[in-house]
C-alpha atoms as a PDB file:
ATOM      1  CA  MET A   1     119.080 148.637 103.193  1.00  0.00           C
ATOM      2  CA  GLY A   2     118.521 146.316 106.404  1.00  0.00           C
ATOM      3  CA  ASP A   3     121.100 145.450 108.950  1.00  0.00           C
ATOM      4  CA  GLN A   4     123.808 142.790 108.025  1.00  0.00           C
ATOM      5  CA  PHE A   5     125.061 140.331 109.599  1.00  0.00           C
ATOM      6  CA  TYR A   6     127.433 136.836 109.060  1.00  0.00           C
ATOM      7  CA  ALA A   7     125.921 133.965 107.671  1.00  0.00           C
ATOM      8  CA  PRO A   8     127.609 130.456 106.921  1.00  0.00           C
ATOM      9  CA  ILE A   9     127.869 129.410 103.422  1.00  0.00           C
ATOM     10  CA  GLN A  10     129.317 126.617 101.574  1.00  0.00           C
ATOM     11  CA  SER A  11     129.246 124.452  98.442  1.00  0.00           C
ATOM     12  CA  VAL A  12     127.176 121.886  99.100  1.00  0.00           C
ATOM     13  CA  ASP A  13     126.042 118.420  97.445  1.00  0.00           C
ATOM     14  CA  VAL A  14     122.270 118.991  97.898  1.00  0.00           C
ATOM     15  CA  SER A  15     119.257 116.874  96.951  1.00  0.00           C
ATOM     16  CA  SER A  16     115.675 118.620  95.749  1.00  0.00           C
ATOM     17  CA  ASN A  17     114.968 118.495  99.338  1.00  0.00           C
ATOM     18  CA  ILE A  18     115.164 122.336 100.898  1.00  0.00           C
ATOM     19  CA  SER A  19     115.766 121.358 104.048  1.00  0.00           C
ATOM     20  CA  ASN A  20     118.798 118.812 103.461  1.00  0.00           C
ATOM     21  CA  ILE A  21     120.316 121.960 101.999  1.00  0.00           C
ATOM     22  CA  ALA A  22     119.988 124.169 104.952  1.00  0.00           C
ATOM     23  CA  ASN A  23     120.720 121.676 107.247  1.00  0.00           C
ATOM     24  CA  GLY A  24     124.342 121.353 105.705  1.00  0.00           C
ATOM     25  CA  PHE A  25     125.926 124.246 106.799  1.00  0.00           C
ATOM     26  CA  ARG A  26     127.766 124.918 110.143  1.00  0.00           C
ATOM     27  CA  ALA A  27     129.106 127.817 112.159  1.00  0.00           C
ATOM     28  CA  SER A  28     132.486 127.447 110.796  1.00  0.00           C
ATOM     29  CA  ASP A  29     131.704 127.474 107.194  1.00  0.00           C
ATOM     30  CA  PRO A  30     132.958 130.178 104.875  1.00  0.00           C
ATOM     31  CA  ILE A  31     131.061 133.323 105.254  1.00  0.00           C
ATOM     32  CA  MET A  32     129.404 135.971 103.240  1.00  0.00           C
ATOM     33  CA  ILE A  33     127.452 139.004 104.221  1.00  0.00           C
ATOM     34  CA  VAL A  34     123.569 138.909 103.650  1.00  0.00           C
ATOM     35  CA  GLU A  35     120.914 141.348 104.637  1.00  0.00           C
ATOM     36  CA  GLN A  36     119.210 140.578 107.537  1.00  0.00           C
ATOM     37  CA  ASP A  37     115.239 140.412 107.435  1.00  0.00           C
ATOM     38  CA  ARG A  38     113.255 143.468 105.841  1.00  0.00           C
ATOM     39  CA  GLU A  39     110.026 143.960 107.155  1.00  0.00           C
ATOM     40  CA  GLY A  40     107.833 143.888 103.959  1.00  0.00           C
ATOM     41  CA  ALA A  41     110.745 141.941 102.043  1.00  0.00           C
ATOM     42  CA  MET A  42     109.094 139.859  99.379  1.00  0.00           C
ATOM     43  CA  PRO A  43     110.025 137.274  97.242  1.00  0.00           C
ATOM     44  CA  TYR A  44     111.766 138.129  93.750  1.00  0.00           C
ATOM     45  CA  HIS A  45     109.031 138.616  90.886  1.00  0.00           C
ATOM     46  CA  SER A  46     111.698 138.692  88.327  1.00  0.00           C
ATOM     47  CA  ASN A  47     115.643 138.775  87.270  1.00  0.00           C
ATOM     48  CA  ARG A  48     115.605 142.519  87.481  1.00  0.00           C
ATOM     49  CA  GLU A  49     114.777 142.231  91.416  1.00  0.00           C
ATOM     50  CA  LEU A  50     117.775 140.016  92.395  1.00  0.00           C
ATOM     51  CA  PRO A  51     120.715 141.678  94.327  1.00  0.00           C
ATOM     52  CA  ASP A  52     123.611 142.847  92.338  1.00  0.00           C
ATOM     53  CA  ARG A  53     125.832 140.477  93.267  1.00  0.00           C
ATOM     54  CA  VAL A  54     123.160 137.732  91.420  1.00  0.00           C
ATOM     55  CA  ARG A  55     122.542 139.735  88.412  1.00  0.00           C
ATOM     56  CA  LEU A  56     125.442 141.265  87.535  1.00  0.00           C
ATOM     57  CA  HIS A  57     127.421 137.827  88.064  1.00  0.00           C
ATOM     58  CA  LEU A  58     125.401 135.207  87.347  1.00  0.00           C
ATOM     59  CA  PRO A  59     124.519 134.142  83.657  1.00  0.00           C
ATOM     60  CA  ALA A  60     120.601 134.342  82.877  1.00  0.00           C
ATOM     61  CA  HIS A  61     119.823 130.503  83.539  1.00  0.00           C
ATOM     62  CA  ALA A  62     121.397 130.801  86.976  1.00  0.00           C
ATOM     63  CA  GLN A  63     119.602 133.667  87.770  1.00  0.00           C
ATOM     64  CA  ASP A  64     116.368 131.834  87.127  1.00  0.00           C
ATOM     65  CA  ILE A  65     117.370 129.245  89.743  1.00  0.00           C
ATOM     66  CA  PHE A  66     118.374 131.322  92.126  1.00  0.00           C
ATOM     67  CA  ARG A  67     115.368 133.426  91.998  1.00  0.00           C
ATOM     68  CA  GLU A  68     113.098 130.777  92.326  1.00  0.00           C
ATOM     69  CA  ALA A  69     114.655 128.900  94.497  1.00  0.00           C
ATOM     70  CA  PHE A  70     114.907 131.637  96.987  1.00  0.00           C
ATOM     71  CA  ASN A  71     111.293 132.433  96.115  1.00  0.00           C
ATOM     72  CA  HIS A  72     110.385 128.413  97.271  1.00  0.00           C
ATOM     73  CA  ALA A  73     112.757 128.870 100.680  1.00  0.00           C
ATOM     74  CA  TYR A  74     111.054 132.200 101.511  1.00  0.00           C
ATOM     75  CA  GLU A  75     107.715 130.638 101.562  1.00  0.00           C
ATOM     76  CA  ARG A  76     109.487 127.512 103.312  1.00  0.00           C
ATOM     77  CA  TYR A  77     111.101 129.065 106.273  1.00  0.00           C
ATOM     78  CA  ALA A  78     108.180 131.504 107.079  1.00  0.00           C
ATOM     79  CA  ASP A  79     108.272 129.481 109.883  1.00  0.00           C
ATOM     80  CA  PRO A  80     110.955 130.025 112.399  1.00  0.00           C
ATOM     81  CA  SER A  81     110.793 126.826 113.932  1.00  0.00           C
ATOM     82  CA  LYS A  82     111.635 125.821 110.645  1.00  0.00           C
ATOM     83  CA  ARG A  83     115.265 127.439 110.404  1.00  0.00           C
ATOM     84  CA  HIS A  84     117.392 124.562 112.446  1.00  0.00           C
ATOM     85  CA  PHE A  85     120.234 126.734 111.461  1.00  0.00           C
ATOM     86  CA  GLY A  86     119.518 130.114 112.881  1.00  0.00           C
ATOM     87  CA  GLY A  87     119.168 133.528 111.075  1.00  0.00           C
ATOM     88  CA  GLY A  88     116.452 135.062 109.448  1.00  0.00           C
ATOM     89  CA  ARG A  89     114.245 134.061 106.432  1.00  0.00           C
ATOM     90  CA  GLU A  90     115.635 135.985 104.334  1.00  0.00           C
ATOM     91  CA  ALA A  91     119.282 134.766 105.240  1.00  0.00           C
ATOM     92  CA  ALA A  92     117.911 131.194 105.122  1.00  0.00           C
ATOM     93  CA  ALA A  93     116.391 131.639 101.487  1.00  0.00           C
ATOM     94  CA  HIS A  94     119.405 133.185 100.375  1.00  0.00           C
ATOM     95  CA  ARG A  95     121.658 130.047 101.625  1.00  0.00           C
ATOM     96  CA  VAL A  96     118.864 128.200  99.812  1.00  0.00           C
ATOM     97  CA  ALA A  97     119.434 129.616  96.808  1.00  0.00           C
ATOM     98  CA  TRP A  98     123.430 129.585  96.256  1.00  0.00           C
ATOM     99  CA  ALA A  99     123.017 126.225  97.043  1.00  0.00           C
ATOM    100  CA  ALA A 100     120.479 125.688  94.300  1.00  0.00           C
ATOM    101  CA  VAL A 101     122.970 127.198  91.837  1.00  0.00           C
ATOM    102  CA  LYS A 102     125.797 125.379  92.869  1.00  0.00           C
ATOM    103  CA  ARG A 103     124.154 122.228  91.717  1.00  0.00           C
ATOM    104  CA  SER A 104     124.375 123.841  88.100  1.00  0.00           C
ATOM    105  CA  TYR A 105     126.890 126.163  87.958  1.00  0.00           C
ATOM    106  CA  HIS A 106     131.057 126.748  89.317  1.00  0.00           C
ATOM    107  CA  LYS A 107     133.275 129.683  89.408  1.00  0.00           C
ATOM    108  CA  GLU A 108     135.762 130.024  86.675  1.00  0.00           C
ATOM    109  CA  GLY A 109     137.949 132.478  87.582  1.00  0.00           C
ATOM    110  CA  ASP A 110     135.565 135.600  87.700  1.00  0.00           C
ATOM    111  CA  ARG A 111     132.691 133.580  85.498  1.00  0.00           C
ATOM    112  CA  TRP A 112     129.878 131.258  86.790  1.00  0.00           C
ATOM    113  CA  VAL A 113     129.624 128.460  84.263  1.00  0.00           C
ATOM    114  CA  PRO A 114     127.443 125.243  83.801  1.00  0.00           C
ATOM    115  CA  LEU A 115     128.679 122.079  85.459  1.00  0.00           C
ATOM    116  CA  ASN A 116     130.186 119.433  83.165  1.00  0.00           C
ATOM    117  CA  GLY A 117     129.882 121.848  80.128  1.00  0.00           C
ATOM    118  CA  GLY A 118     126.739 122.643  80.721  1.00  0.00           C
END
């Protein structure tokens, strides 16, 4: 596994513009541990490849959202100059993917459920 570092996360009201999602984070926001970019890391081809913290906790549809948002952001942030908030490519993609999930789902207790009853 790659090295770990702390990356800011937050629940964000986002638009479809990925740049707006990523730019909403501040260094003072709550953090989670994410893996630093691994050499040769590739976007996820199926939900089975998602990290356990995603695959084992999110419903299938939320996993689809996470995977698609991650893959798109992973390509979008290949150029470090587009990462306005610091961190690596994979960390940027994880931030965007979680923000995308939180547009449609929220956590109730230990479960992720659709917003507004789905």
